[in-house]
């Protein structure tokens, strides 16, 4: 037996190996600060890009709202639904 069998994970892994099941113990190590800074930078860059694209899309929609056609021959139906009909119709 190895000296790390006092750990619960090592004991469980050894029992699984004895039963014929292949298993490994993965030791988590602290991540380097440079990697975390790089990931944080990429995340903030993508978040900023997404924000700029969303605002650009909203501005594009706002600019596209203008009605280029002449609406003087139409009147609004007072139904609250925003329907327009020609003025010569009853």
PDB file of N, CA and C in Angstrom:
ATOM      1  N   UNK A   1       0.842  -1.179   0.000  1.00  0.00           N
ATOM      2  CA  UNK A   1       0.000   0.000   0.000  1.00  0.00           C
ATOM      3  C   UNK A   1       0.882   1.235   0.000  1.00  0.00           C
ATOM      4  N   UNK A   2       0.400   2.253  -0.630  1.00  0.00           N
ATOM      5  CA  UNK A   2       1.181   3.484  -0.687  1.00  0.00           C
ATOM      6  C   UNK A   2       0.897   4.325   0.546  1.00  0.00           C
ATOM      7  N   UNK A   3       1.710   5.338   0.699  1.00  0.00           N
ATOM      8  CA  UNK A   3       1.581   6.167   1.900  1.00  0.00           C
ATOM      9  C   UNK A   3       0.397   7.126   1.846  1.00  0.00           C
ATOM     10  N   UNK A   4      -0.239   7.303   0.669  1.00  0.00           N
ATOM     11  CA  UNK A   4      -1.383   8.216   0.600  1.00  0.00           C
ATOM     12  C   UNK A   4      -2.715   7.484   0.745  1.00  0.00           C
ATOM     13  N   UNK A   5      -2.696   6.235   1.238  1.00  0.00           N
ATOM     14  CA  UNK A   5      -3.938   5.480   1.403  1.00  0.00           C
ATOM     15  C   UNK A   5      -4.777   5.994   2.559  1.00  0.00           C
ATOM     16  N   UNK A   6      -4.218   6.875   3.365  1.00  0.00           N
ATOM     17  CA  UNK A   6      -5.010   7.441   4.449  1.00  0.00           C
ATOM     18  C   UNK A   6      -6.040   8.443   3.924  1.00  0.00           C
ATOM     19  N   UNK A   7      -5.881   8.906   2.699  1.00  0.00           N
ATOM     20  CA  UNK A   7      -6.861   9.826   2.117  1.00  0.00           C
ATOM     21  C   UNK A   7      -8.071   9.039   1.634  1.00  0.00           C
ATOM     22  N   UNK A   8      -9.263   9.552   1.849  1.00  0.00           N
ATOM     23  CA  UNK A   8     -10.468   8.828   1.412  1.00  0.00           C
ATOM     24  C   UNK A   8     -10.494   8.573  -0.095  1.00  0.00           C
ATOM     25  N   UNK A   9     -10.054   9.534  -0.885  1.00  0.00           N
ATOM     26  CA  UNK A   9     -10.072   9.344  -2.336  1.00  0.00           C
ATOM     27  C   UNK A   9      -9.116   8.238  -2.746  1.00  0.00           C
ATOM     28  N   UNK A  10      -7.978   8.162  -2.095  1.00  0.00           N
ATOM     29  CA  UNK A  10      -7.003   7.121  -2.425  1.00  0.00           C
ATOM     30  C   UNK A  10      -7.528   5.745  -2.031  1.00  0.00           C
ATOM     31  N   UNK A  11      -8.200   5.667  -0.897  1.00  0.00           N
ATOM     32  CA  UNK A  11      -8.778   4.381  -0.472  1.00  0.00           C
ATOM     33  C   UNK A  11      -9.856   3.924  -1.436  1.00  0.00           C
ATOM     34  N   UNK A  12     -10.711   4.846  -1.854  1.00  0.00           N
ATOM     35  CA  UNK A  12     -11.781   4.500  -2.801  1.00  0.00           C
ATOM     36  C   UNK A  12     -11.181   4.086  -4.139  1.00  0.00           C
ATOM     37  N   UNK A  13     -10.174   4.828  -4.609  1.00  0.00           N
ATOM     38  CA  UNK A  13      -9.533   4.489  -5.877  1.00  0.00           C
ATOM     39  C   UNK A  13      -8.871   3.112  -5.799  1.00  0.00           C
ATOM     40  N   UNK A  14      -8.254   2.796  -4.696  1.00  0.00           N
ATOM     41  CA  UNK A  14      -7.610   1.484  -4.541  1.00  0.00           C
ATOM     42  C   UNK A  14      -8.648   0.369  -4.550  1.00  0.00           C
ATOM     43  N   UNK A  15      -9.774   0.574  -3.895  1.00  0.00           N
ATOM     44  CA  UNK A  15     -10.839  -0.440  -3.900  1.00  0.00           C
ATOM     45  C   UNK A  15     -11.397  -0.624  -5.304  1.00  0.00           C
ATOM     46  N   UNK A  16     -11.534   0.460  -6.053  1.00  0.00           N
ATOM     47  CA  UNK A  16     -12.011   0.341  -7.427  1.00  0.00           C
ATOM     48  C   UNK A  16     -10.994  -0.394  -8.292  1.00  0.00           C
ATOM     49  N   UNK A  17      -9.703  -0.111  -8.101  1.00  0.00           N
ATOM     50  CA  UNK A  17      -8.660  -0.819  -8.853  1.00  0.00           C
ATOM     51  C   UNK A  17      -8.653  -2.310  -8.496  1.00  0.00           C
ATOM     52  N   UNK A  18      -8.847  -2.623  -7.214  1.00  0.00           N
ATOM     53  CA  UNK A  18      -8.892  -4.020  -6.797  1.00  0.00           C
ATOM     54  C   UNK A  18     -10.078  -4.750  -7.410  1.00  0.00           C
ATOM     55  N   UNK A  19     -11.162  -4.004  -7.672  1.00  0.00           N
ATOM     56  CA  UNK A  19     -12.348  -4.603  -8.273  1.00  0.00           C
ATOM     57  C   UNK A  19     -12.235  -4.688  -9.793  1.00  0.00           C
ATOM     58  N   UNK A  20     -11.130  -4.191 -10.345  1.00  0.00           N
ATOM     59  CA  UNK A  20     -10.924  -4.276 -11.791  1.00  0.00           C
ATOM     60  C   UNK A  20     -11.441  -3.074 -12.553  1.00  0.00           C
ATOM     61  N   UNK A  21     -11.791  -2.013 -11.854  1.00  0.00           N
ATOM     62  CA  UNK A  21     -12.285  -0.796 -12.505  1.00  0.00           C
ATOM     63  C   UNK A  21     -11.137   0.192 -12.603  1.00  0.00           C
ATOM     64  N   UNK A  22     -10.901   0.664 -13.820  1.00  0.00           N
ATOM     65  CA  UNK A  22      -9.807   1.613 -14.029  1.00  0.00           C
ATOM     66  C   UNK A  22     -10.219   2.993 -13.531  1.00  0.00           C
ATOM     67  N   UNK A  23      -9.419   3.592 -12.719  1.00  0.00           N
ATOM     68  CA  UNK A  23      -9.729   4.932 -12.213  1.00  0.00           C
ATOM     69  C   UNK A  23      -8.433   5.672 -11.940  1.00  0.00           C
ATOM     70  N   UNK A  24      -8.536   6.979 -11.923  1.00  0.00           N
ATOM     71  CA  UNK A  24      -7.387   7.830 -11.643  1.00  0.00           C
ATOM     72  C   UNK A  24      -7.798   8.897 -10.651  1.00  0.00           C
ATOM     73  N   UNK A  25      -6.847   9.363  -9.899  1.00  0.00           N
ATOM     74  CA  UNK A  25      -7.082  10.470  -8.986  1.00  0.00           C
ATOM     75  C   UNK A  25      -6.502  11.716  -9.638  1.00  0.00           C
ATOM     76  N   UNK A  26      -7.324  12.698  -9.799  1.00  0.00           N
ATOM     77  CA  UNK A  26      -6.886  13.947 -10.415  1.00  0.00           C
ATOM     78  C   UNK A  26      -6.629  14.949  -9.298  1.00  0.00           C
ATOM     79  N   UNK A  27      -5.407  15.433  -9.256  1.00  0.00           N
ATOM     80  CA  UNK A  27      -5.080  16.429  -8.249  1.00  0.00           C
ATOM     81  C   UNK A  27      -5.233  17.814  -8.854  1.00  0.00           C
ATOM     82  N   UNK A  28      -6.032  18.614  -8.228  1.00  0.00           N
ATOM     83  CA  UNK A  28      -6.218  19.977  -8.704  1.00  0.00           C
ATOM     84  C   UNK A  28      -5.087  20.844  -8.190  1.00  0.00           C
ATOM     85  N   UNK A  29      -4.467  21.565  -9.091  1.00  0.00           N
ATOM     86  CA  UNK A  29      -3.365  22.439  -8.713  1.00  0.00           C
ATOM     87  C   UNK A  29      -3.806  23.881  -8.919  1.00  0.00           C
ATOM     88  N   UNK A  30      -3.265  24.800  -8.171  1.00  0.00           N
ATOM     89  CA  UNK A  30      -3.623  26.206  -8.362  1.00  0.00           C
ATOM     90  C   UNK A  30      -3.246  26.677  -9.771  1.00  0.00           C
ATOM     91  N   UNK A  31      -4.108  27.472 -10.332  1.00  0.00           N
ATOM     92  CA  UNK A  31      -3.887  27.992 -11.673  1.00  0.00           C
ATOM     93  C   UNK A  31      -2.993  29.217 -11.603  1.00  0.00           C
ATOM     94  N   UNK A  32      -2.150  29.346 -12.589  1.00  0.00           N
ATOM     95  CA  UNK A  32      -1.244  30.476 -12.662  1.00  0.00           C
ATOM     96  C   UNK A  32      -2.039  31.771 -12.820  1.00  0.00           C
ATOM     97  N   UNK A  33      -1.599  32.834 -12.184  1.00  0.00           N
ATOM     98  CA  UNK A  33      -2.299  34.123 -12.237  1.00  0.00           C
ATOM     99  C   UNK A  33      -2.347  34.671 -13.658  1.00  0.00           C
ATOM    100  N   UNK A  34      -1.335  34.434 -14.457  1.00  0.00           N
ATOM    101  CA  UNK A  34      -1.316  34.922 -15.835  1.00  0.00           C
ATOM    102  C   UNK A  34      -2.428  34.279 -16.658  1.00  0.00           C
ATOM    103  N   UNK A  35      -2.702  33.007 -16.408  1.00  0.00           N
ATOM    104  CA  UNK A  35      -3.783  32.324 -17.130  1.00  0.00           C
ATOM    105  C   UNK A  35      -5.126  32.929 -16.746  1.00  0.00           C
ATOM    106  N   UNK A  36      -5.313  33.171 -15.461  1.00  0.00           N
ATOM    107  CA  UNK A  36      -6.560  33.776 -15.009  1.00  0.00           C
ATOM    108  C   UNK A  36      -6.733  35.184 -15.567  1.00  0.00           C
ATOM    109  N   UNK A  37      -5.653  35.963 -15.600  1.00  0.00           N
ATOM    110  CA  UNK A  37      -5.727  37.314 -16.165  1.00  0.00           C
ATOM    111  C   UNK A  37      -6.063  37.265 -17.646  1.00  0.00           C
ATOM    112  N   UNK A  38      -5.474  36.313 -18.363  1.00  0.00           N
ATOM    113  CA  UNK A  38      -5.767  36.173 -19.795  1.00  0.00           C
ATOM    114  C   UNK A  38      -7.226  35.800 -19.999  1.00  0.00           C
ATOM    115  N   UNK A  39      -7.733  34.848 -19.230  1.00  0.00           N
ATOM    116  CA  UNK A  39      -9.132  34.447 -19.351  1.00  0.00           C
ATOM    117  C   UNK A  39     -10.066  35.604 -19.013  1.00  0.00           C
ATOM    118  N   UNK A  40      -9.730  36.352 -17.986  1.00  0.00           N
ATOM    119  CA  UNK A  40     -10.550  37.501 -17.602  1.00  0.00           C
ATOM    120  C   UNK A  40     -10.565  38.546 -18.720  1.00  0.00           C
ATOM    121  N   UNK A  41      -9.406  38.779 -19.337  1.00  0.00           N
ATOM    122  CA  UNK A  41      -9.308  39.734 -20.439  1.00  0.00           C
ATOM    123  C   UNK A  41     -10.159  39.278 -21.625  1.00  0.00           C
ATOM    124  N   UNK A  42     -10.073  38.009 -21.982  1.00  0.00           N
ATOM    125  CA  UNK A  42     -10.859  37.484 -23.105  1.00  0.00           C
ATOM    126  C   UNK A  42     -12.346  37.584 -22.798  1.00  0.00           C
ATOM    127  N   UNK A  43     -12.731  37.251 -21.582  1.00  0.00           N
ATOM    128  CA  UNK A  43     -14.139  37.337 -21.199  1.00  0.00           C
ATOM    129  C   UNK A  43     -14.648  38.773 -21.291  1.00  0.00           C
ATOM    130  N   UNK A  44     -13.901  39.723 -20.753  1.00  0.00           N
ATOM    131  CA  UNK A  44     -14.336  41.126 -20.806  1.00  0.00           C
ATOM    132  C   UNK A  44     -14.346  41.658 -22.237  1.00  0.00           C
ATOM    133  N   UNK A  45     -13.405  41.222 -23.055  1.00  0.00           N
ATOM    134  CA  UNK A  45     -13.384  41.624 -24.456  1.00  0.00           C
ATOM    135  C   UNK A  45     -14.621  41.107 -25.186  1.00  0.00           C
ATOM    136  N   UNK A  46     -14.970  39.853 -24.967  1.00  0.00           N
ATOM    137  CA  UNK A  46     -16.161  39.280 -25.616  1.00  0.00           C
ATOM    138  C   UNK A  46     -17.446  39.929 -25.095  1.00  0.00           C
ATOM    139  N   UNK A  47     -17.503  40.220 -23.812  1.00  0.00           N
ATOM    140  CA  UNK A  47     -18.664  40.889 -23.247  1.00  0.00           C
ATOM    141  C   UNK A  47     -18.809  42.289 -23.825  1.00  0.00           C
ATOM    142  N   UNK A  48     -17.695  43.003 -23.975  1.00  0.00           N
ATOM    143  CA  UNK A  48     -17.730  44.344 -24.571  1.00  0.00           C
ATOM    144  C   UNK A  48     -18.152  44.277 -26.030  1.00  0.00           C
ATOM    145  N   UNK A  49     -17.638  43.303 -26.765  1.00  0.00           N
ATOM    146  CA  UNK A  49     -18.011  43.146 -28.166  1.00  0.00           C
ATOM    147  C   UNK A  49     -19.502  42.835 -28.305  1.00  0.00           C
ATOM    148  N   UNK A  50     -20.002  41.975 -27.455  1.00  0.00           N
ATOM    149  CA  UNK A  50     -21.425  41.650 -27.487  1.00  0.00           C
ATOM    150  C   UNK A  50     -22.275  42.879 -27.164  1.00  0.00           C
ATOM    151  N   UNK A  51     -21.839  43.692 -26.210  1.00  0.00           N
ATOM    152  CA  UNK A  51     -22.563  44.909 -25.855  1.00  0.00           C
ATOM    153  C   UNK A  51     -22.571  45.894 -27.020  1.00  0.00           C
ATOM    154  N   UNK A  52     -21.429  46.073 -27.663  1.00  0.00           N
ATOM    155  CA  UNK A  52     -21.351  46.997 -28.810  1.00  0.00           C
ATOM    156  C   UNK A  52     -22.224  46.497 -29.954  1.00  0.00           C
ATOM    157  N   UNK A  53     -22.200  45.201 -30.210  1.00  0.00           N
ATOM    158  CA  UNK A  53     -23.051  44.656 -31.272  1.00  0.00           C
ATOM    159  C   UNK A  53     -24.533  44.824 -30.952  1.00  0.00           C
ATOM    160  N   UNK A  54     -24.922  44.622 -29.698  1.00  0.00           N
ATOM    161  CA  UNK A  54     -26.324  44.776 -29.314  1.00  0.00           C
ATOM    162  C   UNK A  54     -26.768  46.229 -29.468  1.00  0.00           C
ATOM    163  N   UNK A  55     -25.935  47.179 -29.030  1.00  0.00           N
ATOM    164  CA  UNK A  55     -26.289  48.586 -29.190  1.00  0.00           C
ATOM    165  C   UNK A  55     -26.321  48.974 -30.667  1.00  0.00           C
ATOM    166  N   UNK A  56     -25.398  48.449 -31.444  1.00  0.00           N
ATOM    167  CA  UNK A  56     -25.398  48.724 -32.882  1.00  0.00           C
ATOM    168  C   UNK A  56     -26.657  48.205 -33.545  1.00  0.00           C
ATOM    169  N   UNK A  57     -27.091  47.013 -33.148  1.00  0.00           N
ATOM    170  CA  UNK A  57     -28.332  46.457 -33.690  1.00  0.00           C
ATOM    171  C   UNK A  57     -29.535  47.305 -33.295  1.00  0.00           C
ATOM    172  N   UNK A  58     -29.560  47.762 -32.041  1.00  0.00           N
ATOM    173  CA  UNK A  58     -30.664  48.622 -31.610  1.00  0.00           C
ATOM    174  C   UNK A  58     -30.680  49.946 -32.375  1.00  0.00           C
ATOM    175  N   UNK A  59     -29.510  50.526 -32.612  1.00  0.00           N
ATOM    176  CA  UNK A  59     -29.446  51.766 -33.387  1.00  0.00           C
ATOM    177  C   UNK A  59     -29.870  51.537 -34.830  1.00  0.00           C
ATOM    178  N   UNK A  60     -29.497  50.392 -35.385  1.00  0.00           N
ATOM    179  CA  UNK A  60     -29.913  50.057 -36.740  1.00  0.00           C
ATOM    180  C   UNK A  60     -31.437  49.911 -36.809  1.00  0.00           C
ATOM    181  N   UNK A  61     -32.031  49.247 -35.814  1.00  0.00           N
ATOM    182  CA  UNK A  61     -33.494  49.126 -35.773  1.00  0.00           C
ATOM    183  C   UNK A  61     -34.149  50.491 -35.622  1.00  0.00           C
ATOM    184  N   UNK A  62     -33.575  51.347 -34.792  1.00  0.00           N
ATOM    185  CA  UNK A  62     -34.134  52.670 -34.572  1.00  0.00           C
ATOM    186  C   UNK A  62     -34.094  53.487 -35.871  1.00  0.00           C
ATOM    187  N   UNK A  63     -32.993  53.400 -36.598  1.00  0.00           N
ATOM    188  CA  UNK A  63     -32.872  54.140 -37.855  1.00  0.00           C
ATOM    189  C   UNK A  63     -33.809  53.582 -38.911  1.00  0.00           C
ATOM    190  N   UNK A  64     -34.139  52.310 -38.811  1.00  0.00           N
ATOM    191  CA  UNK A  64     -35.011  51.672 -39.794  1.00  0.00           C
ATOM    192  C   UNK A  64     -36.487  51.898 -39.491  1.00  0.00           C
ATOM    193  N   UNK A  65     -36.822  52.516 -38.353  1.00  0.00           N
ATOM    194  CA  UNK A  65     -38.213  52.728 -37.984  1.00  0.00           C
ATOM    195  C   UNK A  65     -38.890  53.823 -38.790  1.00  0.00           C
ATOM    196  N   UNK A  66     -38.126  54.714 -39.379  1.00  0.00           N
ATOM    197  CA  UNK A  66     -38.720  55.794 -40.155  1.00  0.00           C
ATOM    198  C   UNK A  66     -39.536  55.241 -41.312  1.00  0.00           C
ATOM    199  N   UNK A  67     -40.756  55.782 -41.522  1.00  0.00           N
ATOM    200  CA  UNK A  67     -41.603  55.311 -42.608  1.00  0.00           C
ATOM    201  C   UNK A  67     -41.310  56.137 -43.853  1.00  0.00           C
ATOM    202  N   UNK A  68     -40.699  55.533 -44.863  1.00  0.00           N
ATOM    203  CA  UNK A  68     -40.347  56.294 -46.051  1.00  0.00           C
ATOM    204  C   UNK A  68     -41.542  56.609 -46.943  1.00  0.00           C
ATOM    205  N   UNK A  69     -42.659  55.891 -46.789  1.00  0.00           N
ATOM    206  CA  UNK A  69     -43.798  56.141 -47.672  1.00  0.00           C
ATOM    207  C   UNK A  69     -44.693  57.244 -47.112  1.00  0.00           C
ATOM    208  N   UNK A  70     -45.422  57.858 -48.001  1.00  0.00           N
ATOM    209  CA  UNK A  70     -46.335  58.940 -47.626  1.00  0.00           C
ATOM    210  C   UNK A  70     -47.602  58.345 -47.012  1.00  0.00           C
ATOM    211  N   UNK A  71     -47.919  58.723 -45.791  1.00  0.00           N
ATOM    212  CA  UNK A  71     -49.080  58.165 -45.083  1.00  0.00           C
ATOM    213  C   UNK A  71     -50.208  59.181 -44.972  1.00  0.00           C
ATOM    214  N   UNK A  72     -50.218  60.209 -45.829  1.00  0.00           N
ATOM    215  CA  UNK A  72     -51.253  61.246 -45.711  1.00  0.00           C
ATOM    216  C   UNK A  72     -52.623  60.754 -46.146  1.00  0.00           C
ATOM    217  N   UNK A  73     -52.699  59.723 -46.981  1.00  0.00           N
ATOM    218  CA  UNK A  73     -54.001  59.231 -47.440  1.00  0.00           C
ATOM    219  C   UNK A  73     -54.588  58.163 -46.550  1.00  0.00           C
ATOM    220  N   UNK A  74     -54.045  57.979 -45.392  1.00  0.00           N
ATOM    221  CA  UNK A  74     -54.542  56.947 -44.487  1.00  0.00           C
ATOM    222  C   UNK A  74     -54.951  57.574 -43.163  1.00  0.00           C
ATOM    223  N   UNK A  75     -55.840  56.873 -42.464  1.00  0.00           N
ATOM    224  CA  UNK A  75     -56.216  57.311 -41.124  1.00  0.00           C
ATOM    225  C   UNK A  75     -56.122  56.118 -40.183  1.00  0.00           C
ATOM    226  N   UNK A  76     -55.959  56.407 -38.919  1.00  0.00           N
ATOM    227  CA  UNK A  76     -55.811  55.368 -37.910  1.00  0.00           C
ATOM    228  C   UNK A  76     -57.182  54.927 -37.435  1.00  0.00           C
ATOM    229  N   UNK A  77     -57.393  53.622 -37.337  1.00  0.00           N
ATOM    230  CA  UNK A  77     -58.642  53.083 -36.794  1.00  0.00           C
ATOM    231  C   UNK A  77     -58.546  53.176 -35.275  1.00  0.00           C
ATOM    232  N   UNK A  78     -59.550  53.724 -34.609  1.00  0.00           N
ATOM    233  CA  UNK A  78     -59.463  53.872 -33.146  1.00  0.00           C
ATOM    234  C   UNK A  78     -59.754  52.582 -32.395  1.00  0.00           C
ATOM    235  N   UNK A  79     -59.159  51.484 -32.803  1.00  0.00           N
ATOM    236  CA  UNK A  79     -59.376  50.210 -32.115  1.00  0.00           C
ATOM    237  C   UNK A  79     -58.271  49.919 -31.118  1.00  0.00           C
ATOM    238  N   UNK A  80     -57.212  50.716 -31.134  1.00  0.00           N
ATOM    239  CA  UNK A  80     -56.098  50.475 -30.232  1.00  0.00           C
ATOM    240  C   UNK A  80     -55.102  49.471 -30.771  1.00  0.00           C
ATOM    241  N   UNK A  81     -55.331  48.954 -31.983  1.00  0.00           N
ATOM    242  CA  UNK A  81     -54.433  47.952 -32.547  1.00  0.00           C
ATOM    243  C   UNK A  81     -53.451  48.557 -33.549  1.00  0.00           C
ATOM    244  N   UNK A  82     -53.567  49.821 -33.855  1.00  0.00           N
ATOM    245  CA  UNK A  82     -52.640  50.453 -34.779  1.00  0.00           C
ATOM    246  C   UNK A  82     -52.929  50.162 -36.227  1.00  0.00           C
ATOM    247  N   UNK A  83     -54.194  49.892 -36.561  1.00  0.00           N
ATOM    248  CA  UNK A  83     -54.550  49.593 -37.943  1.00  0.00           C
ATOM    249  C   UNK A  83     -54.749  50.890 -38.728  1.00  0.00           C
ATOM    250  N   UNK A  84     -54.343  50.865 -40.002  1.00  0.00           N
ATOM    251  CA  UNK A  84     -54.487  52.024 -40.848  1.00  0.00           C
ATOM    252  C   UNK A  84     -55.348  51.625 -42.047  1.00  0.00           C
ATOM    253  N   UNK A  85     -56.293  52.512 -42.418  1.00  0.00           N
ATOM    254  CA  UNK A  85     -57.126  52.282 -43.594  1.00  0.00           C
ATOM    255  C   UNK A  85     -57.089  53.529 -44.453  1.00  0.00           C
ATOM    256  N   UNK A  86     -57.394  53.398 -45.747  1.00  0.00           N
ATOM    257  CA  UNK A  86     -57.450  54.597 -46.590  1.00  0.00           C
ATOM    258  C   UNK A  86     -58.538  55.553 -46.103  1.00  0.00           C
ATOM    259  N   UNK A  87     -58.335  56.850 -46.338  1.00  0.00           N
ATOM    260  CA  UNK A  87     -59.269  57.849 -45.834  1.00  0.00           C
ATOM    261  C   UNK A  87     -60.609  57.836 -46.548  1.00  0.00           C
ATOM    262  N   UNK A  88     -60.681  57.345 -47.790  1.00  0.00           N
ATOM    263  CA  UNK A  88     -61.947  57.361 -48.515  1.00  0.00           C
ATOM    264  C   UNK A  88     -62.866  56.220 -48.116  1.00  0.00           C
ATOM    265  N   UNK A  89     -62.394  55.281 -47.304  1.00  0.00           N
ATOM    266  CA  UNK A  89     -63.244  54.169 -46.846  1.00  0.00           C
ATOM    267  C   UNK A  89     -64.042  54.653 -45.621  1.00  0.00           C
ATOM    268  N   UNK A  90     -65.287  54.160 -45.506  1.00  0.00           N
ATOM    269  CA  UNK A  90     -66.106  54.571 -44.336  1.00  0.00           C
ATOM    270  C   UNK A  90     -65.592  53.986 -43.039  1.00  0.00           C
TER     271      UNK A  90
END
